[in-house]
Each structure stands twice: as C-alpha cells, then as structure tokens.
Amino acid sequence: MFKSLYSNWINNWEHQLCFRSNDRVVRPFEWGTEWADQWPITQNVVKNGDTPERWLRRLNRAGIENSESFFAYNKPEDFRLENGFIRYTSPSLSPHPANNVVHGQWFPAKKPDDRAVIVLPHWNASQGQHGGLCAGLAKFGLSTVRMSLPYHDFRMPAELNRADYAMSSNIGRTIDATRQAVMDIRAMIDWLQSQGYTRIGICGTSIGSCYACLASAHDERIKVNVFNHCSTYVADVVWTGLSTIHVKKGLEEHLDLERLRNLWDVISPVNYLEKLAAYKNKKSLFIYTEYDTTFMPHLSKDIVRRVQELGIADKVVVLPCGHYTMGETPFKFIDGYHIVSFLKRNL
C-alpha cells in the first residue's frame, strides 16, 4: 500500500517536472545521410544503390566494427583558458559555427594535485546546471570541468530554444552529434594532461552518461566512471521515455523500435561494454532510479545485469526516485554523495 502511494507520488511529480517545459517541437523525420560525409568509415561503405535506411544500417555495423576509427580525432591546437572557461575548436566540425567551439567551465581545486573530473550534463541542461556538483568535487580536492555538450547552452544555434539537434528525428545528425561529443571529451583529456592531470574521472548524467560510456570505452586515460542514469540502447530510451515523446512522434510514422535500434546501434553503450571491460584498471559506478520515466527501469536493470556479468560494475546504486526527481531535494544530495565519494575514493 505504502509503495503504491509512494510510486504514484513520484510519478505525478515526474510528470509535473517534465511538462513544465512547453516548448518541445515535433520535428520532421529525416534520414540525415549527408551527416555521414565526414565519418571515416563512409569511404569504405559504398551505397551500391542502397536505400538510405539500408546504407545507414551498414554504416552502423561498420562503425561498431571499426569504432576506434569512428571515434578517432585530431588534437585541437587552440586550447585556451579564459575567464574561467577552457575553450577550443571541436575536432568534429558541424555546419553551425556556435556548435564548433567547445566550452568547459573550470572548477580548480584549492590545492590541486594530478586528479581531475569531467562532468557531462543531461540533455537540455542550462549553462548553470551541474555547477553545484562541480563545485562540490572541487571542494573535496578534485579539479573539475563542466563541459557544454554539442548544441547546448553556448553551443546552441540561434534558431533553437532547446538542444534538439543533439537528439532528434534526424537519424544521421543524432549520430554525428554523439560522435562529436565523444571526440570533444577526448580532446578535453588532452588539455587536462597538458596541465599535469594524469588521474582522470568522468561523470555523465542521462545523455551525458551515454557520452561518458562511449568515451571511456575508447580512451584508456579515463580511470574512473560514474554513469548517472544508465541504459542499453539509445533507441529504446527515445521510444519509451517521457521526455522524448516529441522525438518519437517525429519517428514513429517512418520507423518502428527495432529498425530505429539498428540505425542508432553505433551510438548505443551496450555495443561497447566488452571494450570497456577490456580495461582492467577502470572503476565504474552505475546509478539508476527505481521510478525513472525516461530511462525506464527495465532498461537500466538490463545494462546493470550485463556489466555485472562482465565484471565492470564496481558499485551499483538504485535511488528511490525518478529521472527528473533525481535533481530535486533530497535525492540530489543523496546522488551527489554517491558520486563525490566514489570519485574521491577511486581516483
């Protein structure tokens, strides 16, 4: 009885928090094949009269098989620290100039050592969000950089009110934005290393958790991972989540879930868990919520089961809240405690 009342309370709260935003736009479906032009795998996957869907599916398979190449990057040459922000040109350029400059707000520890953390916010996070976590990490001796994700805050094109180009019903653009995020993260590690930071951790929330997993699976320099919300396939989150209903509406007249899963396989964390497991020196914390309305609990339980089988889940935390309520009192403090304590103990 109590659990049912509690579940209803959390669920109602989740809906209130989700739908306080009334600027969601259902955008038209697009294959977005033109975004593949700059992917290194594309030159080896000839169309041969393929339909856009078949060609993108072949690109996905090639991307997974050659992921080291797919997520490879060239180190930026214009790193600069100005007014508390680390800035540099993204290794993956888009048609949107604002999106091509990476911004990382810098929170140095009072007495810095060789430890640093990269914090990746959630989808549609505003510039100030996650600043409290970053300040907390710095207070406990871990210098921290809060990265602006592709198409978010400073990087948002003028025509947008939300970070729609990071995750949308444009198949190719969503892949490209994810690939760009991974490359940007790896470039940020270059800057941290140039400043003497050799023990590097990462903490990603929601979409940031997906980016963190992909980056860590392809970069041995990341020593400690915190996946704050976790799931298997990107497609499943979009198809079943409360916060992506408008994205699904742009997709469902053209695709079903299985087809979408195949089209976004190359950016789904589940396909890189064995690569992550190959690094024996990494420590990983997986956090999910019991009443999540965006990363549905069965998806989180599925990936947790898989990482436990592979031996890469050093700690799993289940919080008694939902996706949005994790950011509210008291849950944000409980979440913060687990994140900070795990990073401080393992870095």
Protein backbone atom coordinates (compact mmCIF):
# COMPACT_ATOMS: atom_id res chain seq x y z
CA MET A 1 0.00 0.00 0.00
CA PHE A 2 2.72 2.46 1.00
CA LYS A 3 4.87 1.55 -2.00
CA SER A 4 1.94 2.14 -4.32
CA LEU A 5 1.21 5.54 -2.78
CA TYR A 6 4.89 6.45 -2.93
CA SER A 7 5.15 5.32 -6.56
CA ASN A 8 2.13 7.41 -7.54
CA TRP A 9 3.56 10.43 -5.74
CA ILE A 10 6.91 10.14 -7.52
CA ASN A 11 5.21 9.50 -10.87
CA ASN A 12 2.99 12.57 -10.51
CA TRP A 13 6.00 14.64 -9.53
CA GLU A 14 7.91 13.34 -12.56
CA HIS A 15 5.11 14.41 -14.89
CA GLN A 16 4.91 17.86 -13.33
CA LEU A 17 8.64 18.41 -13.73
CA CYS A 18 8.73 17.03 -17.26
CA PHE A 19 5.85 19.02 -18.68
CA ARG A 20 6.66 22.36 -17.09
CA SER A 21 8.56 22.87 -20.36
CA ASN A 22 6.08 23.67 -23.10
CA ASP A 23 8.49 24.50 -25.91
CA ARG A 24 9.05 20.98 -27.25
CA VAL A 25 8.81 20.81 -31.04
CA VAL A 26 7.94 17.76 -33.12
CA ARG A 27 10.46 17.97 -35.93
CA PRO A 28 10.11 16.24 -39.30
CA PHE A 29 11.72 12.88 -39.86
CA GLU A 30 14.97 12.96 -41.84
CA TRP A 31 17.46 10.25 -42.72
CA GLY A 32 20.30 12.77 -42.47
CA THR A 33 22.65 10.78 -44.69
CA GLU A 34 24.63 13.92 -45.53
CA TRP A 35 25.99 13.92 -41.97
CA ALA A 36 27.89 10.73 -42.77
CA ASP A 37 30.12 12.51 -45.29
CA GLN A 38 32.80 13.27 -42.68
CA TRP A 39 32.74 9.89 -40.93
CA PRO A 40 35.95 7.95 -41.73
CA ILE A 41 34.02 4.69 -42.19
CA THR A 42 31.89 6.10 -45.01
CA GLN A 43 34.57 5.79 -47.66
CA ASN A 44 34.59 2.02 -47.18
CA VAL A 45 30.82 1.53 -47.27
CA VAL A 46 29.71 2.02 -50.87
CA LYS A 47 25.99 2.67 -51.33
CA ASN A 48 25.55 0.32 -54.30
CA GLY A 49 22.00 1.54 -54.83
CA ASP A 50 21.08 1.09 -51.15
CA THR A 51 18.09 2.88 -49.72
CA PRO A 52 19.02 5.50 -47.07
CA GLU A 53 17.95 3.10 -44.32
CA ARG A 54 19.96 0.17 -45.61
CA TRP A 55 23.04 2.34 -46.12
CA LEU A 56 22.80 3.81 -42.62
CA ARG A 57 22.42 0.33 -41.17
CA ARG A 58 25.56 -0.76 -42.99
CA LEU A 59 27.36 2.32 -41.68
CA ASN A 60 26.27 1.41 -38.16
CA ARG A 61 27.72 -2.08 -38.48
CA ALA A 62 30.95 -0.69 -39.92
CA GLY A 63 31.11 1.91 -37.17
CA ILE A 64 30.86 -0.72 -34.44
CA GLU A 65 33.41 -2.99 -36.12
CA ASN A 66 35.79 -0.05 -36.62
CA SER A 67 34.85 2.08 -33.63
CA GLU A 68 38.45 3.10 -32.91
CA SER A 69 38.44 4.82 -36.28
CA PHE A 70 34.86 6.09 -35.96
CA PHE A 71 35.62 7.89 -32.67
CA ALA A 72 39.19 8.89 -33.58
CA TYR A 73 40.06 12.60 -33.55
CA ASN A 74 42.82 15.12 -34.14
CA LYS A 75 44.05 17.02 -31.10
CA PRO A 76 42.96 20.68 -31.22
CA GLU A 77 45.71 23.28 -31.45
CA ASP A 78 43.87 26.26 -29.95
CA PHE A 79 43.27 25.33 -26.29
CA ARG A 80 42.85 28.44 -24.15
CA LEU A 81 41.76 29.17 -20.60
CA GLU A 82 39.87 32.46 -20.45
CA ASN A 83 37.53 33.86 -17.82
CA GLY A 84 37.19 30.52 -16.09
CA PHE A 85 36.42 28.55 -19.27
CA ILE A 86 38.52 26.14 -21.28
CA ARG A 87 37.76 26.69 -24.94
CA TYR A 88 38.92 25.05 -28.15
CA THR A 89 37.69 24.14 -31.62
CA SER A 90 35.81 20.86 -31.75
CA PRO A 91 37.68 18.09 -33.62
CA SER A 92 34.38 17.41 -35.44
CA LEU A 93 33.01 20.41 -37.27
CA SER A 94 29.30 20.92 -37.95
CA PRO A 95 27.53 23.44 -40.22
CA HIS A 96 26.77 25.54 -37.10
CA PRO A 97 29.66 27.85 -36.05
CA ALA A 98 28.42 28.22 -32.47
CA ASN A 99 28.46 24.44 -32.04
CA ASN A 100 32.04 24.17 -33.24
CA VAL A 101 33.58 25.77 -30.15
CA VAL A 102 33.81 23.60 -27.03
CA HIS A 103 33.27 25.35 -23.69
CA GLY A 104 34.34 23.82 -20.38
CA GLN A 105 33.71 25.70 -17.15
CA TRP A 106 36.74 25.16 -14.93
CA PHE A 107 36.45 24.45 -11.21
CA PRO A 108 40.02 24.05 -9.93
CA ALA A 109 40.61 22.51 -6.52
CA LYS A 110 42.06 24.82 -3.89
CA LYS A 111 45.07 22.55 -3.61
CA PRO A 112 45.16 20.76 -6.96
CA ASP A 113 47.03 17.53 -7.50
CA ASP A 114 47.02 15.19 -10.50
CA ARG A 115 43.31 14.30 -10.25
CA ALA A 116 40.58 15.82 -12.41
CA VAL A 117 36.97 15.05 -13.32
CA ILE A 118 34.98 15.77 -16.47
CA VAL A 119 31.27 16.39 -15.80
CA LEU A 120 28.79 15.88 -18.65
CA PRO A 121 25.30 17.34 -18.01
CA HIS A 122 21.91 15.96 -19.00
CA TRP A 123 20.05 16.68 -22.23
CA ASN A 124 18.83 20.30 -22.39
CA ALA A 125 20.78 21.29 -19.28
CA SER A 126 21.20 25.04 -18.95
CA GLN A 127 24.66 26.51 -18.56
CA GLY A 128 24.43 26.78 -14.78
CA GLN A 129 23.17 23.28 -14.08
CA HIS A 130 25.57 20.75 -12.57
CA GLY A 131 27.66 23.65 -11.27
CA GLY A 132 26.87 22.63 -7.70
CA LEU A 133 28.24 19.14 -8.28
CA CYS A 134 31.37 20.58 -9.88
CA ALA A 135 31.92 22.99 -7.00
CA GLY A 136 31.43 20.12 -4.55
CA LEU A 137 34.01 17.96 -6.32
CA ALA A 138 36.49 20.84 -6.31
CA LYS A 139 35.88 21.42 -2.60
CA PHE A 140 36.87 17.81 -1.95
CA GLY A 141 40.12 18.22 -3.87
CA LEU A 142 39.09 17.12 -7.36
CA SER A 143 39.58 19.77 -10.03
CA THR A 144 36.57 19.58 -12.33
CA VAL A 145 35.48 20.77 -15.76
CA ARG A 146 31.81 21.02 -16.71
CA MET A 147 31.57 20.53 -20.46
CA SER A 148 28.90 22.09 -22.63
CA LEU A 149 27.53 19.31 -24.80
CA PRO A 150 27.05 19.68 -28.57
CA TYR A 151 24.16 22.01 -29.40
CA HIS A 152 23.72 23.00 -25.73
CA ASP A 153 23.92 26.42 -23.99
CA PHE A 154 26.89 28.31 -25.52
CA ARG A 155 26.87 25.92 -28.46
CA MET A 156 23.20 26.21 -29.36
CA PRO A 157 22.42 27.58 -32.84
CA ALA A 158 20.38 30.80 -32.78
CA GLU A 159 17.27 29.16 -34.26
CA LEU A 160 16.87 26.77 -31.31
CA ASN A 161 15.36 27.09 -27.86
CA ARG A 162 16.22 23.53 -26.89
CA ALA A 163 19.10 21.20 -27.76
CA ASP A 164 17.02 19.49 -30.45
CA TYR A 165 19.94 18.85 -32.78
CA ALA A 166 21.69 16.65 -30.20
CA MET A 167 18.85 14.13 -30.14
CA SER A 168 16.10 14.28 -32.73
CA SER A 169 14.21 12.55 -35.52
CA ASN A 170 17.13 13.28 -37.86
CA ILE A 171 18.96 9.93 -37.80
CA GLY A 172 22.34 10.99 -39.17
CA ARG A 173 22.56 14.23 -37.20
CA THR A 174 21.92 12.44 -33.91
CA ILE A 175 24.75 10.02 -34.66
CA ASP A 176 27.03 12.88 -35.65
CA ALA A 177 26.28 14.89 -32.50
CA THR A 178 27.10 11.85 -30.35
CA ARG A 179 30.32 11.22 -32.23
CA GLN A 180 31.23 14.89 -31.81
CA ALA A 181 30.61 14.70 -28.06
CA VAL A 182 32.97 11.74 -27.70
CA MET A 183 35.68 13.49 -29.69
CA ASP A 184 35.25 16.68 -27.64
CA ILE A 185 35.63 14.72 -24.40
CA ARG A 186 38.80 13.06 -25.58
CA ALA A 187 40.21 16.44 -26.61
CA MET A 188 39.41 17.80 -23.12
CA ILE A 189 41.53 15.00 -21.69
CA ASP A 190 44.40 16.28 -23.83
CA TRP A 191 44.11 19.70 -22.19
CA LEU A 192 43.91 18.21 -18.70
CA GLN A 193 47.02 16.14 -19.34
CA SER A 194 48.86 19.21 -20.61
CA GLN A 195 48.14 20.80 -17.22
CA GLY A 196 49.56 17.84 -15.29
CA TYR A 197 46.36 15.90 -14.58
CA THR A 198 47.01 12.19 -15.05
CA ARG A 199 44.26 10.57 -12.95
CA ILE A 200 41.06 11.43 -14.78
CA GLY A 201 37.47 10.55 -13.95
CA ILE A 202 34.23 11.20 -15.76
CA CYS A 203 30.66 11.69 -14.56
CA GLY A 204 27.83 11.76 -17.10
CA THR A 205 24.14 12.24 -16.38
CA SER A 206 21.38 10.99 -18.70
CA ILE A 207 22.58 11.68 -22.27
CA GLY A 208 25.89 12.66 -20.67
CA SER A 209 26.09 9.13 -19.26
CA CYS A 210 25.80 7.72 -22.78
CA TYR A 211 28.57 10.02 -23.99
CA ALA A 212 30.74 9.12 -20.98
CA CYS A 213 30.39 5.40 -21.64
CA LEU A 214 31.30 5.74 -25.31
CA ALA A 215 34.31 7.93 -24.48
CA SER A 216 35.59 5.66 -21.72
CA ALA A 217 35.24 2.57 -23.90
CA HIS A 218 37.57 4.23 -26.42
CA ASP A 219 40.03 6.06 -24.17
CA GLU A 220 42.18 4.30 -21.60
CA ARG A 221 43.09 7.61 -19.96
CA ILE A 222 39.72 7.73 -18.18
CA LYS A 223 40.30 5.82 -14.95
CA VAL A 224 37.00 6.22 -13.06
CA ASN A 225 33.47 6.29 -14.49
CA VAL A 226 30.21 7.45 -12.97
CA PHE A 227 27.20 6.65 -15.13
CA ASN A 228 24.39 8.67 -13.57
CA HIS A 229 21.35 7.01 -15.24
CA CYS A 230 22.19 4.10 -17.49
CA SER A 231 20.52 2.20 -20.31
CA THR A 232 21.25 -0.19 -23.15
CA TYR A 233 20.08 1.25 -26.47
CA VAL A 234 19.62 4.91 -27.34
CA ALA A 235 16.59 3.99 -29.44
CA ASP A 236 14.80 2.33 -26.51
CA VAL A 237 15.20 5.43 -24.33
CA VAL A 238 13.80 7.68 -27.06
CA TRP A 239 10.95 5.27 -27.83
CA THR A 240 9.77 4.71 -24.25
CA GLY A 241 10.84 7.82 -22.34
CA LEU A 242 8.57 10.58 -21.09
CA SER A 243 10.94 13.39 -22.05
CA THR A 244 11.32 12.21 -25.66
CA ILE A 245 7.66 11.81 -26.61
CA HIS A 246 8.01 14.62 -29.16
CA VAL A 247 11.05 12.95 -30.74
CA LYS A 248 9.18 9.65 -31.03
CA LYS A 249 6.29 11.45 -32.76
CA GLY A 250 8.68 12.54 -35.48
CA LEU A 251 9.93 8.98 -35.90
CA GLU A 252 7.03 6.58 -35.45
CA GLU A 253 5.33 7.16 -38.82
CA HIS A 254 8.54 6.08 -40.54
CA LEU A 255 10.21 3.53 -38.24
CA ASP A 256 9.46 1.04 -35.51
CA LEU A 257 11.66 0.46 -32.46
CA GLU A 258 13.66 -2.43 -33.89
CA ARG A 259 14.55 -0.51 -37.04
CA LEU A 260 15.49 2.58 -35.03
CA ARG A 261 17.67 0.47 -32.75
CA ASN A 262 19.60 -0.77 -35.79
CA LEU A 263 20.01 2.78 -37.07
CA TRP A 264 21.46 4.02 -33.76
CA ASP A 265 23.44 0.93 -32.81
CA VAL A 266 26.74 2.73 -33.34
CA ILE A 267 25.96 5.22 -30.55
CA SER A 268 24.43 2.75 -28.07
CA PRO A 269 26.57 1.96 -24.99
CA VAL A 270 25.54 -1.70 -24.89
CA ASN A 271 27.59 -2.39 -28.02
CA TYR A 272 30.84 -1.29 -26.36
CA LEU A 273 30.64 -2.96 -22.96
CA GLU A 274 33.23 -5.60 -23.88
CA LYS A 275 35.63 -2.85 -24.96
CA LEU A 276 35.04 -1.13 -21.62
CA ALA A 277 35.63 -4.41 -19.80
CA ALA A 278 38.96 -4.87 -21.58
CA TYR A 279 40.44 -2.07 -19.47
CA LYS A 280 41.24 -3.81 -16.20
CA ASN A 281 42.23 -0.64 -14.34
CA LYS A 282 38.95 1.27 -14.65
CA LYS A 283 36.46 1.67 -11.79
CA SER A 284 32.77 2.20 -12.58
CA LEU A 285 29.71 3.32 -10.62
CA PHE A 286 26.27 2.76 -12.17
CA ILE A 287 23.35 4.76 -10.77
CA TYR A 288 19.72 4.38 -11.77
CA THR A 289 16.35 5.23 -10.30
CA GLU A 290 13.55 2.90 -9.31
CA TYR A 291 10.79 5.07 -10.79
CA ASP A 292 12.50 6.50 -13.85
CA THR A 293 10.14 7.79 -16.55
CA THR A 294 12.86 8.44 -19.15
CA PHE A 295 15.48 5.70 -18.70
CA MET A 296 12.87 3.07 -17.94
CA PRO A 297 13.95 0.84 -15.01
CA HIS A 298 13.91 -2.37 -17.05
CA LEU A 299 16.46 -0.83 -19.45
CA SER A 300 18.71 0.15 -16.56
CA LYS A 301 18.40 -3.27 -14.95
CA ASP A 302 19.30 -4.87 -18.28
CA ILE A 303 22.56 -2.97 -18.68
CA VAL A 304 23.44 -3.45 -15.00
CA ARG A 305 22.99 -7.20 -15.42
CA ARG A 306 25.29 -7.14 -18.43
CA VAL A 307 28.04 -5.09 -16.79
CA GLN A 308 27.90 -7.28 -13.70
CA GLU A 309 28.37 -10.35 -15.89
CA LEU A 310 31.41 -8.65 -17.44
CA GLY A 311 32.77 -7.64 -14.05
CA ILE A 312 32.82 -3.89 -14.70
CA ALA A 313 30.27 -2.71 -12.16
CA ASP A 314 32.30 -1.87 -9.06
CA LYS A 315 29.22 -0.35 -7.46
CA VAL A 316 25.52 -0.09 -8.34
CA VAL A 317 23.21 2.40 -6.64
CA VAL A 318 19.43 2.42 -7.01
CA LEU A 319 17.74 5.62 -5.85
CA PRO A 320 14.05 5.69 -4.78
CA CYS A 321 13.05 8.44 -7.22
CA GLY A 322 12.71 9.11 -10.94
CA HIS A 323 14.63 10.78 -13.73
CA TYR A 324 13.57 14.35 -13.05
CA THR A 325 13.14 13.98 -9.30
CA MET A 326 16.78 12.92 -9.01
CA GLY A 327 17.55 16.61 -9.45
CA GLU A 328 15.28 17.61 -6.55
CA THR A 329 15.74 17.65 -2.77
CA PRO A 330 16.54 15.30 -1.07
CA PHE A 331 17.52 12.98 -3.93
CA LYS A 332 20.08 15.31 -5.50
CA PHE A 333 22.07 15.32 -2.27
CA ILE A 334 21.97 11.53 -1.99
CA ASP A 335 23.04 11.24 -5.62
CA GLY A 336 25.79 13.80 -5.09
CA TYR A 337 27.10 11.92 -2.07
CA HIS A 338 27.47 8.70 -4.06
CA ILE A 339 29.13 10.49 -7.00
CA VAL A 340 31.62 12.51 -4.97
CA SER A 341 32.54 9.71 -2.57
CA PHE A 342 33.11 7.20 -5.41
CA LEU A 343 35.29 9.57 -7.42
CA LYS A 344 37.29 10.73 -4.42
CA ARG A 345 37.86 7.18 -3.19
CA ASN A 346 38.88 5.72 -6.56
CA LEU A 347 40.80 8.49 -8.31
